[in-house]
Amino acid sequence: MNFISRLQAEYRFLRALTAVNLSSAMEYRASFLTQIVFMFINNGIYFIFWLIFFKQFGDVQGYDISDIYMLFAVVAFGYGIGYMFAANTGANLAYTIVQGRLDYYLVLPRNLLLHVVFSRMSVSTIGDVTFGLIAFWFAGRYYPLDFLFFLAVSLPVAMIFVGFSTIIGSLAFFFGNTQYASQQLSNATLAFAMYPHTLFRGFSRFMLYTIIPAFFIGAVPVEIIKNHDGRLLLLLCGVVVVVWVLATTVFYGGLRRYESGNAINVNT
């Protein structure tokens, strides 16, 4: 099988896997809709803080309320489309590794990392996607080119989210039960991504561009949309490549240390 055929086969498999996950989630309609609605409300409550803040203090280090709308739009939409399809990362991945539940995936003739990551979807992230689209509309950038750049940065943002969560989840291969640490790092990445990058200086600013790539999830995509900056978009795509090279290296490097579980698990 040549490379193109393998890619097509993996794409068909991931599409079928996503369909099965969605069908399973929709089996309980009330729970399905409740998760979406409550995630949307949760995002709205968090955003109210910024509305109150800007009403009292005006602009903050070059950011006005429309920039905050755009920041929330990019982060929520990117997070949503990433974890809507690939939610078995971070704490979930750490749990899978520690419990020896990779056995199920190891015996199947599919790309191991992609199968593991895409084996779970987060229903509530549909609320994030919806919130992101509404926030973009409130940002007041109604030109088609703005929306095209918004869509163009969304996939890299989603891939950075998922790739970084894969890295921190894979640390369980090396350090044992890292569920709590993985969850905290994921939450920190999401939280810092929704703050204006101009508030940070020195080492904290450096850290949020490197160790925790929060600004490549929030601030950089916003600059790309505002300035229609194609070169910065290419840089963002380069960051995606770096994150996924690291994710693949850490995951498969840790896999050599993996100890099979002795429990019989049934995946549905």
C-alpha atoms as a PDB file:
ATOM      1  CA  MET A   1       0.000   0.000   0.000  1.00  0.00           C
ATOM      2  CA  ASN A   2       1.479   3.339  -1.044  1.00  0.00           C
ATOM      3  CA  PHE A   3       1.566   6.456   1.112  1.00  0.00           C
ATOM      4  CA  ILE A   4      -1.527   8.121  -0.425  1.00  0.00           C
ATOM      5  CA  SER A   5      -3.563   4.944  -0.036  1.00  0.00           C
ATOM      6  CA  ARG A   6      -2.505   4.652   3.596  1.00  0.00           C
ATOM      7  CA  LEU A   7      -3.549   8.244   4.254  1.00  0.00           C
ATOM      8  CA  GLN A   8      -6.927   7.610   2.651  1.00  0.00           C
ATOM      9  CA  ALA A   9      -7.386   4.455   4.710  1.00  0.00           C
ATOM     10  CA  GLU A  10      -6.537   6.265   7.947  1.00  0.00           C
ATOM     11  CA  TYR A  11      -8.890   9.110   7.032  1.00  0.00           C
ATOM     12  CA  ARG A  12     -11.753   6.682   6.401  1.00  0.00           C
ATOM     13  CA  PHE A  13     -11.033   4.939   9.686  1.00  0.00           C
ATOM     14  CA  LEU A  14     -10.970   8.195  11.683  1.00  0.00           C
ATOM     15  CA  ARG A  15     -14.167   9.358  10.004  1.00  0.00           C
ATOM     16  CA  ALA A  16     -15.884   6.097  10.917  1.00  0.00           C
ATOM     17  CA  LEU A  17     -14.511   6.300  14.470  1.00  0.00           C
ATOM     18  CA  THR A  18     -15.872   9.849  14.847  1.00  0.00           C
ATOM     19  CA  ALA A  19     -19.275   8.743  13.551  1.00  0.00           C
ATOM     20  CA  VAL A  20     -19.394   5.907  16.092  1.00  0.00           C
ATOM     21  CA  ASN A  21     -18.390   8.257  18.939  1.00  0.00           C
ATOM     22  CA  LEU A  22     -21.055  10.776  17.939  1.00  0.00           C
ATOM     23  CA  SER A  23     -23.709   8.113  17.607  1.00  0.00           C
ATOM     24  CA  SER A  24     -22.823   6.774  21.048  1.00  0.00           C
ATOM     25  CA  ALA A  25     -22.984  10.253  22.593  1.00  0.00           C
ATOM     26  CA  MET A  26     -26.370  10.996  21.016  1.00  0.00           C
ATOM     27  CA  GLU A  27     -27.885   7.808  22.415  1.00  0.00           C
ATOM     28  CA  TYR A  28     -28.812   9.818  25.504  1.00  0.00           C
ATOM     29  CA  ARG A  29     -30.234  12.974  23.924  1.00  0.00           C
ATOM     30  CA  ALA A  30     -30.983  14.849  27.152  1.00  0.00           C
ATOM     31  CA  SER A  31     -27.424  14.399  28.440  1.00  0.00           C
ATOM     32  CA  PHE A  32     -26.028  15.277  25.010  1.00  0.00           C
ATOM     33  CA  LEU A  33     -27.881  18.603  24.853  1.00  0.00           C
ATOM     34  CA  THR A  34     -27.339  19.419  28.535  1.00  0.00           C
ATOM     35  CA  GLN A  35     -23.554  19.136  28.225  1.00  0.00           C
ATOM     36  CA  ILE A  36     -23.521  21.459  25.226  1.00  0.00           C
ATOM     37  CA  VAL A  37     -25.759  24.075  26.853  1.00  0.00           C
ATOM     38  CA  PHE A  38     -23.869  24.095  30.139  1.00  0.00           C
ATOM     39  CA  MET A  39     -20.504  24.461  28.409  1.00  0.00           C
ATOM     40  CA  PHE A  40     -21.893  27.438  26.479  1.00  0.00           C
ATOM     41  CA  ILE A  41     -23.164  28.982  29.725  1.00  0.00           C
ATOM     42  CA  ASN A  42     -19.826  28.308  31.436  1.00  0.00           C
ATOM     43  CA  ASN A  43     -17.981  30.214  28.714  1.00  0.00           C
ATOM     44  CA  GLY A  44     -20.467  33.054  28.959  1.00  0.00           C
ATOM     45  CA  ILE A  45     -20.026  33.387  32.727  1.00  0.00           C
ATOM     46  CA  TYR A  46     -16.252  33.532  32.332  1.00  0.00           C
ATOM     47  CA  PHE A  47     -16.601  36.205  29.676  1.00  0.00           C
ATOM     48  CA  ILE A  48     -18.799  38.394  31.904  1.00  0.00           C
ATOM     49  CA  PHE A  49     -15.705  39.043  34.039  1.00  0.00           C
ATOM     50  CA  TRP A  50     -13.999  40.703  31.094  1.00  0.00           C
ATOM     51  CA  LEU A  51     -17.097  42.738  30.208  1.00  0.00           C
ATOM     52  CA  ILE A  52     -17.197  44.165  33.740  1.00  0.00           C
ATOM     53  CA  PHE A  53     -13.442  44.743  33.731  1.00  0.00           C
ATOM     54  CA  PHE A  54     -13.382  46.692  30.451  1.00  0.00           C
ATOM     55  CA  LYS A  55     -16.433  48.706  31.442  1.00  0.00           C
ATOM     56  CA  GLN A  56     -14.538  49.896  34.525  1.00  0.00           C
ATOM     57  CA  PHE A  57     -11.023  50.340  33.124  1.00  0.00           C
ATOM     58  CA  GLY A  58     -11.296  50.641  29.349  1.00  0.00           C
ATOM     59  CA  ASP A  59      -8.391  49.404  27.216  1.00  0.00           C
ATOM     60  CA  VAL A  60      -5.736  47.143  28.751  1.00  0.00           C
ATOM     61  CA  GLN A  61      -2.225  47.255  27.307  1.00  0.00           C
ATOM     62  CA  GLY A  62      -3.533  47.780  23.780  1.00  0.00           C
ATOM     63  CA  TYR A  63      -6.445  45.338  24.064  1.00  0.00           C
ATOM     64  CA  ASP A  64     -10.015  46.618  23.846  1.00  0.00           C
ATOM     65  CA  ILE A  65     -13.263  44.701  24.241  1.00  0.00           C
ATOM     66  CA  SER A  66     -13.409  43.740  20.540  1.00  0.00           C
ATOM     67  CA  ASP A  67      -9.954  42.136  20.872  1.00  0.00           C
ATOM     68  CA  ILE A  68     -11.205  40.130  23.844  1.00  0.00           C
ATOM     69  CA  TYR A  69     -14.205  38.974  21.835  1.00  0.00           C
ATOM     70  CA  MET A  70     -11.814  37.824  19.119  1.00  0.00           C
ATOM     71  CA  LEU A  71      -9.519  36.148  21.641  1.00  0.00           C
ATOM     72  CA  PHE A  72     -12.414  34.175  23.096  1.00  0.00           C
ATOM     73  CA  ALA A  73     -13.680  33.342  19.609  1.00  0.00           C
ATOM     74  CA  VAL A  74     -10.341  31.881  18.502  1.00  0.00           C
ATOM     75  CA  VAL A  75      -9.644  29.943  21.694  1.00  0.00           C
ATOM     76  CA  ALA A  76     -13.167  28.561  22.169  1.00  0.00           C
ATOM     77  CA  PHE A  77     -13.618  27.589  18.519  1.00  0.00           C
ATOM     78  CA  GLY A  78     -10.162  26.005  18.215  1.00  0.00           C
ATOM     79  CA  TYR A  79     -10.528  24.159  21.515  1.00  0.00           C
ATOM     80  CA  GLY A  80     -13.971  22.983  20.484  1.00  0.00           C
ATOM     81  CA  ILE A  81     -13.084  21.540  17.092  1.00  0.00           C
ATOM     82  CA  GLY A  82      -9.964  19.920  18.538  1.00  0.00           C
ATOM     83  CA  TYR A  83     -11.568  18.088  21.436  1.00  0.00           C
ATOM     84  CA  MET A  84     -14.809  17.424  19.626  1.00  0.00           C
ATOM     85  CA  PHE A  85     -12.911  14.830  17.608  1.00  0.00           C
ATOM     86  CA  ALA A  86      -9.778  14.029  19.639  1.00  0.00           C
ATOM     87  CA  ALA A  87     -10.481  14.111  23.367  1.00  0.00           C
ATOM     88  CA  ASN A  88      -8.488  11.112  24.588  1.00  0.00           C
ATOM     89  CA  THR A  89      -5.526  13.282  25.553  1.00  0.00           C
ATOM     90  CA  GLY A  90      -4.259  14.966  28.701  1.00  0.00           C
ATOM     91  CA  ALA A  91      -5.689  13.381  31.846  1.00  0.00           C
ATOM     92  CA  ASN A  92      -7.674  10.833  29.807  1.00  0.00           C
ATOM     93  CA  LEU A  93      -4.533   9.653  28.036  1.00  0.00           C
ATOM     94  CA  ALA A  94      -2.613   9.508  31.320  1.00  0.00           C
ATOM     95  CA  TYR A  95      -5.381   7.336  32.803  1.00  0.00           C
ATOM     96  CA  THR A  96      -5.371   5.047  29.760  1.00  0.00           C
ATOM     97  CA  ILE A  97      -1.616   4.534  30.085  1.00  0.00           C
ATOM     98  CA  VAL A  98      -1.522   4.034  33.854  1.00  0.00           C
ATOM     99  CA  GLN A  99      -4.414   1.565  33.799  1.00  0.00           C
ATOM    100  CA  GLY A 100      -2.775  -0.513  31.071  1.00  0.00           C
ATOM    101  CA  ARG A 101      -5.644   0.157  28.696  1.00  0.00           C
ATOM    102  CA  LEU A 102      -3.426   0.648  25.649  1.00  0.00           C
ATOM    103  CA  ASP A 103      -3.570  -3.120  25.137  1.00  0.00           C
ATOM    104  CA  TYR A 104      -6.842  -2.764  23.249  1.00  0.00           C
ATOM    105  CA  TYR A 105      -5.247  -0.415  20.708  1.00  0.00           C
ATOM    106  CA  LEU A 106      -1.946  -2.275  20.359  1.00  0.00           C
ATOM    107  CA  VAL A 107      -3.537  -5.343  18.792  1.00  0.00           C
ATOM    108  CA  LEU A 108      -5.322  -3.409  16.045  1.00  0.00           C
ATOM    109  CA  PRO A 109      -3.709  -2.686  12.633  1.00  0.00           C
ATOM    110  CA  ARG A 110      -4.093   1.081  12.816  1.00  0.00           C
ATOM    111  CA  ASN A 111      -1.858   4.045  13.559  1.00  0.00           C
ATOM    112  CA  LEU A 112      -1.602   3.709  17.322  1.00  0.00           C
ATOM    113  CA  LEU A 113      -1.329   7.377  18.312  1.00  0.00           C
ATOM    114  CA  LEU A 114      -4.151   8.570  16.067  1.00  0.00           C
ATOM    115  CA  HIS A 115      -6.397   5.712  17.144  1.00  0.00           C
ATOM    116  CA  VAL A 116      -5.816   6.436  20.828  1.00  0.00           C
ATOM    117  CA  VAL A 117      -6.304  10.200  20.516  1.00  0.00           C
ATOM    118  CA  PHE A 118      -9.429   9.985  18.341  1.00  0.00           C
ATOM    119  CA  SER A 119     -11.052   7.172  20.328  1.00  0.00           C
ATOM    120  CA  ARG A 120     -12.916   9.637  22.546  1.00  0.00           C
ATOM    121  CA  MET A 121     -14.899  12.765  21.773  1.00  0.00           C
ATOM    122  CA  SER A 122     -16.037  15.521  24.132  1.00  0.00           C
ATOM    123  CA  VAL A 123     -19.683  16.336  23.481  1.00  0.00           C
ATOM    124  CA  SER A 124     -19.615  19.522  25.547  1.00  0.00           C
ATOM    125  CA  THR A 125     -17.142  21.130  23.131  1.00  0.00           C
ATOM    126  CA  ILE A 126     -19.970  21.662  20.648  1.00  0.00           C
ATOM    127  CA  GLY A 127     -20.937  24.420  23.080  1.00  0.00           C
ATOM    128  CA  ASP A 128     -17.414  25.848  22.718  1.00  0.00           C
ATOM    129  CA  VAL A 129     -17.682  25.838  18.925  1.00  0.00           C
ATOM    130  CA  THR A 130     -21.032  27.637  19.090  1.00  0.00           C
ATOM    131  CA  PHE A 131     -19.710  30.167  21.597  1.00  0.00           C
ATOM    132  CA  GLY A 132     -16.652  30.821  19.426  1.00  0.00           C
ATOM    133  CA  LEU A 133     -18.746  31.607  16.355  1.00  0.00           C
ATOM    134  CA  ILE A 134     -21.001  33.959  18.314  1.00  0.00           C
ATOM    135  CA  ALA A 135     -18.013  35.689  19.926  1.00  0.00           C
ATOM    136  CA  PHE A 136     -16.490  36.227  16.471  1.00  0.00           C
ATOM    137  CA  TRP A 137     -19.695  37.920  15.325  1.00  0.00           C
ATOM    138  CA  PHE A 138     -19.632  40.214  18.385  1.00  0.00           C
ATOM    139  CA  ALA A 139     -16.015  41.140  17.599  1.00  0.00           C
ATOM    140  CA  GLY A 140     -17.412  43.227  14.759  1.00  0.00           C
ATOM    141  CA  ARG A 141     -15.149  41.997  11.979  1.00  0.00           C
ATOM    142  CA  TYR A 142     -17.696  41.265   9.275  1.00  0.00           C
ATOM    143  CA  TYR A 143     -15.461  41.216   6.213  1.00  0.00           C
ATOM    144  CA  PRO A 144     -15.228  37.832   4.446  1.00  0.00           C
ATOM    145  CA  LEU A 145     -11.417  37.964   4.564  1.00  0.00           C
ATOM    146  CA  ASP A 146     -11.527  38.260   8.367  1.00  0.00           C
ATOM    147  CA  PHE A 147     -13.706  35.164   8.593  1.00  0.00           C
ATOM    148  CA  LEU A 148     -11.445  33.267   6.188  1.00  0.00           C
ATOM    149  CA  PHE A 149      -8.426  34.039   8.378  1.00  0.00           C
ATOM    150  CA  PHE A 150     -10.464  33.034  11.429  1.00  0.00           C
ATOM    151  CA  LEU A 151     -11.141  29.637   9.850  1.00  0.00           C
ATOM    152  CA  ALA A 152      -7.525  29.386   8.674  1.00  0.00           C
ATOM    153  CA  VAL A 153      -6.109  29.774  12.189  1.00  0.00           C
ATOM    154  CA  SER A 154      -8.712  27.514  13.812  1.00  0.00           C
ATOM    155  CA  LEU A 155      -7.242  24.220  12.611  1.00  0.00           C
ATOM    156  CA  PRO A 156      -3.666  25.037  13.762  1.00  0.00           C
ATOM    157  CA  VAL A 157      -5.057  26.183  17.126  1.00  0.00           C
ATOM    158  CA  ALA A 158      -6.986  22.918  17.476  1.00  0.00           C
ATOM    159  CA  MET A 159      -3.914  20.872  16.537  1.00  0.00           C
ATOM    160  CA  ILE A 160      -1.721  22.711  19.057  1.00  0.00           C
ATOM    161  CA  PHE A 161      -4.306  22.121  21.780  1.00  0.00           C
ATOM    162  CA  VAL A 162      -4.529  18.396  21.040  1.00  0.00           C
ATOM    163  CA  GLY A 163      -0.799  17.964  20.414  1.00  0.00           C
ATOM    164  CA  PHE A 164       0.224  19.648  23.654  1.00  0.00           C
ATOM    165  CA  SER A 165      -2.350  17.627  25.602  1.00  0.00           C
ATOM    166  CA  THR A 166      -0.918  14.487  24.013  1.00  0.00           C
ATOM    167  CA  ILE A 167       2.552  15.447  25.241  1.00  0.00           C
ATOM    168  CA  ILE A 168       1.480  16.055  28.826  1.00  0.00           C
ATOM    169  CA  GLY A 169      -0.702  12.936  28.856  1.00  0.00           C
ATOM    170  CA  SER A 170       2.202  10.831  27.572  1.00  0.00           C
ATOM    171  CA  LEU A 171       4.297  11.869  30.574  1.00  0.00           C
ATOM    172  CA  ALA A 172       2.462   9.073  32.410  1.00  0.00           C
ATOM    173  CA  PHE A 173       4.795   6.648  30.625  1.00  0.00           C
ATOM    174  CA  PHE A 174       7.703   8.184  32.522  1.00  0.00           C
ATOM    175  CA  PHE A 175       6.262   9.430  35.808  1.00  0.00           C
ATOM    176  CA  GLY A 176       3.353   7.126  36.570  1.00  0.00           C
ATOM    177  CA  ASN A 177      -0.006   8.584  37.519  1.00  0.00           C
ATOM    178  CA  THR A 178       0.050  12.127  36.104  1.00  0.00           C
ATOM    179  CA  GLN A 179      -3.695  12.580  35.685  1.00  0.00           C
ATOM    180  CA  TYR A 180      -3.910  15.517  38.074  1.00  0.00           C
ATOM    181  CA  ALA A 181      -0.804  17.229  36.687  1.00  0.00           C
ATOM    182  CA  SER A 182      -2.034  16.723  33.111  1.00  0.00           C
ATOM    183  CA  GLN A 183      -5.393  18.225  33.960  1.00  0.00           C
ATOM    184  CA  GLN A 184      -3.807  21.234  35.637  1.00  0.00           C
ATOM    185  CA  LEU A 185      -1.460  21.877  32.715  1.00  0.00           C
ATOM    186  CA  SER A 186      -4.353  21.635  30.249  1.00  0.00           C
ATOM    187  CA  ASN A 187      -6.404  24.060  32.319  1.00  0.00           C
ATOM    188  CA  ALA A 188      -3.452  26.444  32.630  1.00  0.00           C
ATOM    189  CA  THR A 189      -2.913  26.444  28.863  1.00  0.00           C
ATOM    190  CA  LEU A 190      -6.556  27.221  28.222  1.00  0.00           C
ATOM    191  CA  ALA A 191      -6.716  29.914  30.929  1.00  0.00           C
ATOM    192  CA  PHE A 192      -3.545  31.775  29.897  1.00  0.00           C
ATOM    193  CA  ALA A 193      -4.562  31.632  26.224  1.00  0.00           C
ATOM    194  CA  MET A 194      -7.567  33.822  27.050  1.00  0.00           C
ATOM    195  CA  TYR A 195      -5.497  36.599  28.650  1.00  0.00           C
ATOM    196  CA  PRO A 196      -4.022  39.499  26.655  1.00  0.00           C
ATOM    197  CA  HIS A 197      -0.384  38.618  26.011  1.00  0.00           C
ATOM    198  CA  THR A 198       0.616  42.229  26.664  1.00  0.00           C
ATOM    199  CA  LEU A 199      -0.005  41.696  30.392  1.00  0.00           C
ATOM    200  CA  PHE A 200       3.039  39.429  30.668  1.00  0.00           C
ATOM    201  CA  ARG A 201       6.727  40.286  30.727  1.00  0.00           C
ATOM    202  CA  GLY A 202      10.066  38.536  31.102  1.00  0.00           C
ATOM    203  CA  PHE A 203      10.206  34.849  31.912  1.00  0.00           C
ATOM    204  CA  SER A 204       6.440  34.410  32.210  1.00  0.00           C
ATOM    205  CA  ARG A 205       6.021  35.738  28.659  1.00  0.00           C
ATOM    206  CA  PHE A 206       8.799  33.452  27.399  1.00  0.00           C
ATOM    207  CA  MET A 207       7.224  30.453  29.160  1.00  0.00           C
ATOM    208  CA  LEU A 208       3.815  31.093  27.568  1.00  0.00           C
ATOM    209  CA  TYR A 209       5.383  31.050  24.124  1.00  0.00           C
ATOM    210  CA  THR A 210       7.450  27.907  24.717  1.00  0.00           C
ATOM    211  CA  ILE A 211       6.878  25.563  27.668  1.00  0.00           C
ATOM    212  CA  ILE A 212       3.132  26.246  27.651  1.00  0.00           C
ATOM    213  CA  PRO A 213       2.203  27.382  24.106  1.00  0.00           C
ATOM    214  CA  ALA A 214      -0.763  29.461  25.284  1.00  0.00           C
ATOM    215  CA  PHE A 215       0.016  32.524  23.168  1.00  0.00           C
ATOM    216  CA  PHE A 216       0.168  30.436  19.989  1.00  0.00           C
ATOM    217  CA  ILE A 217      -3.394  29.394  20.821  1.00  0.00           C
ATOM    218  CA  GLY A 218      -4.721  32.873  21.557  1.00  0.00           C
ATOM    219  CA  ALA A 219      -2.637  35.998  20.978  1.00  0.00           C
ATOM    220  CA  VAL A 220      -0.829  35.000  17.778  1.00  0.00           C
ATOM    221  CA  PRO A 221      -3.991  33.851  15.923  1.00  0.00           C
ATOM    222  CA  VAL A 222      -5.717  37.115  16.911  1.00  0.00           C
ATOM    223  CA  GLU A 223      -2.835  39.108  15.401  1.00  0.00           C
ATOM    224  CA  ILE A 224      -3.073  37.010  12.237  1.00  0.00           C
ATOM    225  CA  ILE A 225      -6.785  37.799  11.875  1.00  0.00           C
ATOM    226  CA  LYS A 226      -6.435  41.502  12.655  1.00  0.00           C
ATOM    227  CA  ASN A 227      -3.503  42.089  10.290  1.00  0.00           C
ATOM    228  CA  HIS A 228      -4.242  39.410   7.673  1.00  0.00           C
ATOM    229  CA  ASP A 229      -0.664  38.284   8.235  1.00  0.00           C
ATOM    230  CA  GLY A 230       0.148  35.301   6.024  1.00  0.00           C
ATOM    231  CA  ARG A 231       3.745  35.009   7.242  1.00  0.00           C
ATOM    232  CA  LEU A 232       2.602  34.792  10.848  1.00  0.00           C
ATOM    233  CA  LEU A 233       0.117  32.120   9.772  1.00  0.00           C
ATOM    234  CA  LEU A 234       3.006  30.113   8.316  1.00  0.00           C
ATOM    235  CA  LEU A 235       4.831  30.498  11.642  1.00  0.00           C
ATOM    236  CA  LEU A 236       1.752  29.170  13.442  1.00  0.00           C
ATOM    237  CA  CYS A 237       1.708  26.160  11.111  1.00  0.00           C
ATOM    238  CA  GLY A 238       5.402  25.639  11.899  1.00  0.00           C
ATOM    239  CA  VAL A 239       4.555  25.552  15.603  1.00  0.00           C
ATOM    240  CA  VAL A 240       1.983  22.837  14.840  1.00  0.00           C
ATOM    241  CA  VAL A 241       4.712  20.739  13.233  1.00  0.00           C
ATOM    242  CA  VAL A 242       7.043  21.220  16.210  1.00  0.00           C
ATOM    243  CA  VAL A 243       4.318  20.339  18.739  1.00  0.00           C
ATOM    244  CA  TRP A 244       3.330  17.169  16.893  1.00  0.00           C
ATOM    245  CA  VAL A 245       6.927  16.055  16.357  1.00  0.00           C
ATOM    246  CA  LEU A 246       7.366  16.374  20.125  1.00  0.00           C
ATOM    247  CA  ALA A 247       4.040  14.636  20.788  1.00  0.00           C
ATOM    248  CA  THR A 248       4.955  11.717  18.547  1.00  0.00           C
ATOM    249  CA  THR A 249       8.457  11.454  19.997  1.00  0.00           C
ATOM    250  CA  VAL A 250       7.283  11.537  23.620  1.00  0.00           C
ATOM    251  CA  PHE A 251       4.411   9.099  23.020  1.00  0.00           C
ATOM    252  CA  TYR A 252       6.378   6.450  21.133  1.00  0.00           C
ATOM    253  CA  GLY A 253       9.453   6.984  23.296  1.00  0.00           C
ATOM    254  CA  GLY A 254       7.329   6.364  26.366  1.00  0.00           C
ATOM    255  CA  LEU A 255       5.639   3.388  24.754  1.00  0.00           C
ATOM    256  CA  ARG A 256       8.876   1.422  25.150  1.00  0.00           C
ATOM    257  CA  ARG A 257       8.353   1.701  28.908  1.00  0.00           C
ATOM    258  CA  TYR A 258       4.699   0.677  28.794  1.00  0.00           C
ATOM    259  CA  GLU A 259       3.568  -2.177  30.993  1.00  0.00           C
ATOM    260  CA  SER A 260       0.540  -4.107  29.817  1.00  0.00           C
ATOM    261  CA  GLY A 261      -2.482  -4.193  32.081  1.00  0.00           C
ATOM    262  CA  ASN A 262      -3.858  -7.470  33.403  1.00  0.00           C
ATOM    263  CA  ALA A 263      -7.494  -6.389  33.362  1.00  0.00           C
ATOM    264  CA  ILE A 264      -9.936  -7.423  30.645  1.00  0.00           C
ATOM    265  CA  ASN A 265     -11.426  -4.245  29.203  1.00  0.00           C
ATOM    266  CA  VAL A 266     -14.331  -3.905  26.850  1.00  0.00           C
ATOM    267  CA  ASN A 267     -14.320  -0.708  24.748  1.00  0.00           C
ATOM    268  CA  THR A 268     -17.663   0.423  23.420  1.00  0.00           C
END
